[in-house]
Amino acid sequence: MRAPFLTKPLIVNAASALLSRALGDRAGQVPVDLETLVYDYLCEREGLVFVEDRPLASHEGHEVLGLTELVAGRIFVCSNLKARDLARFRFTLAHEIGHWVLHRPLALERHLRDATTMQEELLVSVATLGDEASSNLDSIEWQANYFASHLLIPRAPLRREFAERFGGAPLVCPQGSDLGSFAREISRRAMADQPSLSRVFLASVTAMGIALKESGLVVLDPVLL
């Protein structure tokens, strides 16, 4: 499936709108209540069929974490992923929801127009593509990852939680250190009376580190302040 052109603000707005529709006044609470969002909203209101108790076959030698059947309206997540790695489960599910929100309307349109096959409607997320830090994602997978990041780590709650732990000003990466490594260290840093950011959002330190960098909450140069 060829990805439509989607700007970052459009993807962010799509994630924010889904949170508002599904969770209402709880949209700003963390961690994001994915169970309510999926079962009480997407399944009940939009007809999604969500399956998380079925093992998934490998794809081209890679472990399959999740897949979405766009026209059939089904999302599958690997059956043991939640018990094995909750943060990875949440990101994988949010990634598949990204395909549902961003790409399903186009697939439905194409299906009605061109009678596309089921093979063309299937989007497979394998372990290598499920890595939030991968630099080799094609555009449709990048779009789903970007959506997942903003669905699981809404930036307004992130800034609030960051300020409660570290104050209002961005943190400056120590000279000679790598910004990505510094961001991940901040992601896992617990305070005396508060859990780490990655823990409170139930997100991986990689996903949280990317969110911190993108939000300008960790910076390389103090001049940027």
Protein backbone atom coordinates (compact mmCIF):
# COMPACT_ATOMS: atom_id res chain seq x y z
CA MET A 1 0.00 0.00 0.00
CA ARG A 2 1.38 3.40 -0.95
CA ALA A 3 1.29 5.80 1.97
CA PRO A 4 -0.60 9.06 1.61
CA PHE A 5 1.31 12.29 2.25
CA LEU A 6 0.66 13.23 5.89
CA THR A 7 2.32 16.09 7.72
CA LYS A 8 3.46 15.76 11.32
CA PRO A 9 0.78 18.21 12.59
CA LEU A 10 -1.92 16.21 10.82
CA ILE A 11 -0.76 12.98 12.49
CA VAL A 12 -0.52 14.68 15.89
CA ASN A 13 -4.02 16.09 15.49
CA ALA A 14 -5.36 12.66 14.51
CA ALA A 15 -3.89 11.08 17.66
CA SER A 16 -5.18 13.91 19.85
CA ALA A 17 -8.65 13.74 18.32
CA LEU A 18 -8.87 10.00 18.93
CA LEU A 19 -7.87 10.46 22.58
CA SER A 20 -10.53 13.13 23.01
CA ARG A 21 -13.27 11.09 21.31
CA ALA A 22 -12.45 7.87 23.13
CA LEU A 23 -11.52 9.13 26.61
CA GLY A 24 -13.21 12.51 26.94
CA ASP A 25 -12.05 14.41 30.02
CA ARG A 26 -9.62 11.57 30.83
CA ALA A 27 -7.65 12.16 27.63
CA GLY A 28 -4.91 13.99 29.56
CA GLN A 29 -4.43 11.29 32.19
CA VAL A 30 -1.40 9.02 32.06
CA PRO A 31 -0.78 6.28 31.33
CA VAL A 32 -3.22 6.46 28.45
CA ASP A 33 -6.06 3.99 29.00
CA LEU A 34 -5.57 1.88 25.88
CA GLU A 35 -8.03 -0.77 27.05
CA THR A 36 -10.92 1.69 27.18
CA LEU A 37 -9.82 3.31 23.93
CA VAL A 38 -9.74 -0.01 22.11
CA TYR A 39 -12.62 -1.98 23.58
CA ASP A 40 -15.08 0.73 24.61
CA TYR A 41 -14.49 3.04 21.66
CA LEU A 42 -12.85 1.44 18.63
CA CYS A 43 -14.56 -1.94 19.02
CA GLU A 44 -17.94 -0.60 20.13
CA ARG A 45 -18.13 2.56 18.00
CA GLU A 46 -16.02 1.82 14.93
CA GLY A 47 -16.44 -1.93 14.58
CA LEU A 48 -12.81 -2.92 15.16
CA VAL A 49 -12.12 -6.59 15.89
CA PHE A 50 -9.09 -6.77 18.21
CA VAL A 51 -7.32 -10.08 18.82
CA GLU A 52 -4.48 -10.40 21.35
CA ASP A 53 -4.66 -14.10 22.27
CA ARG A 54 -3.39 -15.63 19.03
CA PRO A 55 0.24 -16.40 18.10
CA LEU A 56 1.38 -14.76 14.86
CA ALA A 57 3.49 -16.45 12.21
CA SER A 58 6.90 -15.06 11.31
CA HIS A 59 7.27 -12.84 8.26
CA GLU A 60 10.38 -13.10 6.06
CA GLY A 61 12.32 -14.52 9.01
CA HIS A 62 11.23 -11.84 11.48
CA GLU A 63 8.97 -12.13 14.51
CA VAL A 64 5.58 -10.54 13.84
CA LEU A 65 4.50 -8.23 16.64
CA GLY A 66 1.23 -7.10 15.14
CA LEU A 67 -0.76 -6.83 11.96
CA THR A 68 -3.75 -4.94 10.68
CA GLU A 69 -6.28 -6.11 8.13
CA LEU A 70 -7.47 -2.71 6.98
CA VAL A 71 -10.60 -3.55 5.00
CA ALA A 72 -11.60 -6.54 7.11
CA GLY A 73 -11.27 -4.29 10.17
CA ARG A 74 -9.07 -6.50 12.34
CA ILE A 75 -6.00 -5.78 14.47
CA PHE A 76 -3.85 -8.61 15.83
CA VAL A 77 -1.06 -8.32 18.41
CA CYS A 78 1.29 -11.20 19.26
CA SER A 79 -0.29 -13.31 22.02
CA ASN A 80 2.61 -13.28 24.50
CA LEU A 81 3.80 -9.73 23.94
CA LYS A 82 1.84 -8.13 26.79
CA ALA A 83 3.28 -10.52 29.39
CA ARG A 84 6.75 -10.37 27.88
CA ASP A 85 7.10 -6.60 27.43
CA LEU A 86 4.16 -4.37 28.35
CA ALA A 87 5.71 -1.20 26.91
CA ARG A 88 6.38 -2.93 23.60
CA PHE A 89 2.83 -4.32 23.59
CA ARG A 90 1.39 -0.85 24.10
CA PHE A 91 3.54 0.66 21.36
CA THR A 92 2.71 -2.14 18.94
CA LEU A 93 -1.00 -1.76 19.61
CA ALA A 94 -0.79 2.03 19.27
CA HIS A 95 1.13 1.55 16.01
CA GLU A 96 -1.62 -0.69 14.63
CA ILE A 97 -4.22 1.85 15.74
CA GLY A 98 -2.22 4.37 13.74
CA HIS A 99 -2.76 2.26 10.64
CA TRP A 100 -6.47 2.02 11.51
CA VAL A 101 -6.87 5.78 11.84
CA LEU A 102 -4.48 7.04 9.18
CA HIS A 103 -4.59 4.37 6.48
CA ARG A 104 -7.85 2.44 6.73
CA PRO A 105 -9.98 5.15 5.06
CA LEU A 106 -7.70 5.06 2.02
CA ALA A 107 -7.76 1.25 1.92
CA LEU A 108 -11.57 1.22 2.08
CA GLU A 109 -11.75 3.75 -0.74
CA ARG A 110 -9.37 1.71 -2.88
CA HIS A 111 -11.21 -1.50 -2.07
CA LEU A 112 -14.50 -0.09 -3.25
CA ARG A 113 -12.93 1.42 -6.35
CA ASP A 114 -10.48 -1.27 -7.42
CA ALA A 115 -11.61 -4.44 -5.58
CA THR A 116 -8.14 -4.84 -4.06
CA THR A 117 -7.21 -8.24 -2.69
CA MET A 118 -6.91 -9.13 0.98
CA GLN A 119 -3.15 -9.41 0.53
CA GLU A 120 -2.99 -5.75 -0.41
CA GLU A 121 -5.04 -4.80 2.65
CA LEU A 122 -2.67 -6.44 5.15
CA LEU A 123 -0.07 -4.38 7.01
CA VAL A 124 2.44 -6.48 8.94
CA SER A 125 4.56 -5.04 11.77
CA VAL A 126 7.58 -7.22 12.40
CA ALA A 127 10.06 -6.86 15.25
CA THR A 128 12.53 -4.81 13.20
CA LEU A 129 9.81 -2.42 12.09
CA GLY A 130 8.36 -2.28 15.59
CA ASP A 131 11.53 -0.62 16.87
CA GLU A 132 10.72 3.05 17.50
CA ALA A 133 14.35 4.00 16.84
CA SER A 134 14.73 2.27 13.48
CA SER A 135 15.98 4.52 10.70
CA ASN A 136 14.90 2.10 7.96
CA LEU A 137 11.13 2.44 8.20
CA ASP A 138 9.17 3.13 5.05
CA SER A 139 6.80 6.08 5.14
CA ILE A 140 3.66 4.14 6.06
CA GLU A 141 5.40 2.52 9.04
CA TRP A 142 6.96 5.83 10.09
CA GLN A 143 3.52 7.45 10.06
CA ALA A 144 2.11 4.71 12.30
CA ASN A 145 5.08 5.02 14.68
CA TYR A 146 4.71 8.80 14.88
CA PHE A 147 1.00 8.41 15.60
CA ALA A 148 1.78 5.82 18.30
CA SER A 149 4.28 8.13 19.97
CA HIS A 150 1.73 10.94 20.27
CA LEU A 151 -1.08 8.59 21.28
CA LEU A 152 0.90 7.05 24.14
CA ILE A 153 2.91 10.13 25.10
CA PRO A 154 0.69 13.19 24.52
CA ARG A 155 3.01 16.16 24.68
CA ALA A 156 0.99 18.33 27.08
CA PRO A 157 0.95 15.65 29.83
CA LEU A 158 4.61 14.94 29.06
CA ARG A 159 5.55 18.58 29.69
CA ARG A 160 3.50 18.54 32.89
CA GLU A 161 5.13 15.37 34.21
CA PHE A 162 8.57 16.58 33.15
CA ALA A 163 8.11 19.90 34.99
CA GLU A 164 7.05 18.09 38.16
CA ARG A 165 10.30 16.13 38.14
CA PHE A 166 12.87 18.44 36.57
CA GLY A 167 11.42 21.95 36.56
CA GLY A 168 10.22 24.07 33.67
CA ALA A 169 13.50 24.49 31.79
CA PRO A 170 14.88 21.91 29.35
CA LEU A 171 17.76 19.75 30.52
CA VAL A 172 21.08 20.28 28.75
CA CYS A 173 23.02 17.24 27.64
CA PRO A 174 26.50 17.09 29.25
CA GLN A 175 29.27 18.15 26.91
CA GLY A 176 30.66 15.23 24.94
CA SER A 177 27.61 13.05 25.57
CA ASP A 178 25.16 11.76 22.99
CA LEU A 179 21.75 13.46 23.12
CA GLY A 180 19.86 10.23 22.46
CA SER A 181 21.64 8.41 25.28
CA PHE A 182 21.05 11.37 27.60
CA ALA A 183 17.34 11.45 26.70
CA ARG A 184 17.00 7.75 27.45
CA GLU A 185 18.79 8.23 30.79
CA ILE A 186 16.34 10.99 31.71
CA SER A 187 13.47 8.73 30.61
CA ARG A 188 14.43 6.07 33.15
CA ARG A 189 15.48 8.43 35.96
CA ALA A 190 13.20 8.03 39.00
CA MET A 191 12.88 10.82 41.55
CA ALA A 192 12.61 10.38 45.33
CA ASP A 193 8.80 10.33 45.34
CA GLN A 194 7.92 9.88 41.67
CA PRO A 195 8.43 7.07 39.14
CA SER A 196 10.40 7.61 35.95
CA LEU A 197 8.73 9.14 32.92
CA SER A 198 8.89 5.87 31.00
CA ARG A 199 7.21 4.07 33.87
CA VAL A 200 4.45 6.62 34.45
CA PHE A 201 3.58 6.60 30.72
CA LEU A 202 4.15 2.82 30.41
CA ALA A 203 6.40 3.55 27.43
CA SER A 204 9.83 2.23 26.52
CA VAL A 205 12.84 4.39 27.34
CA THR A 206 13.51 4.57 23.59
CA ALA A 207 10.05 5.94 22.79
CA MET A 208 10.18 8.33 25.74
CA GLY A 209 13.66 9.52 24.78
CA ILE A 210 12.47 10.34 21.28
CA ALA A 211 9.49 12.24 22.70
CA LEU A 212 11.75 14.23 25.05
CA LYS A 213 14.04 15.23 22.20
CA GLU A 214 11.20 16.14 19.85
CA SER A 215 9.52 18.23 22.55
CA GLY A 216 12.74 20.16 23.25
CA LEU A 217 12.79 18.99 26.86
CA VAL A 218 16.35 17.71 26.47
CA VAL A 219 18.73 19.75 24.34
CA LEU A 220 22.31 19.54 23.17
CA ASP A 221 23.25 23.20 23.36
CA PRO A 222 22.23 25.66 26.13
CA VAL A 223 21.99 28.36 23.46
CA LEU A 224 18.77 26.64 22.37
CA LEU A 225 17.21 27.64 25.68
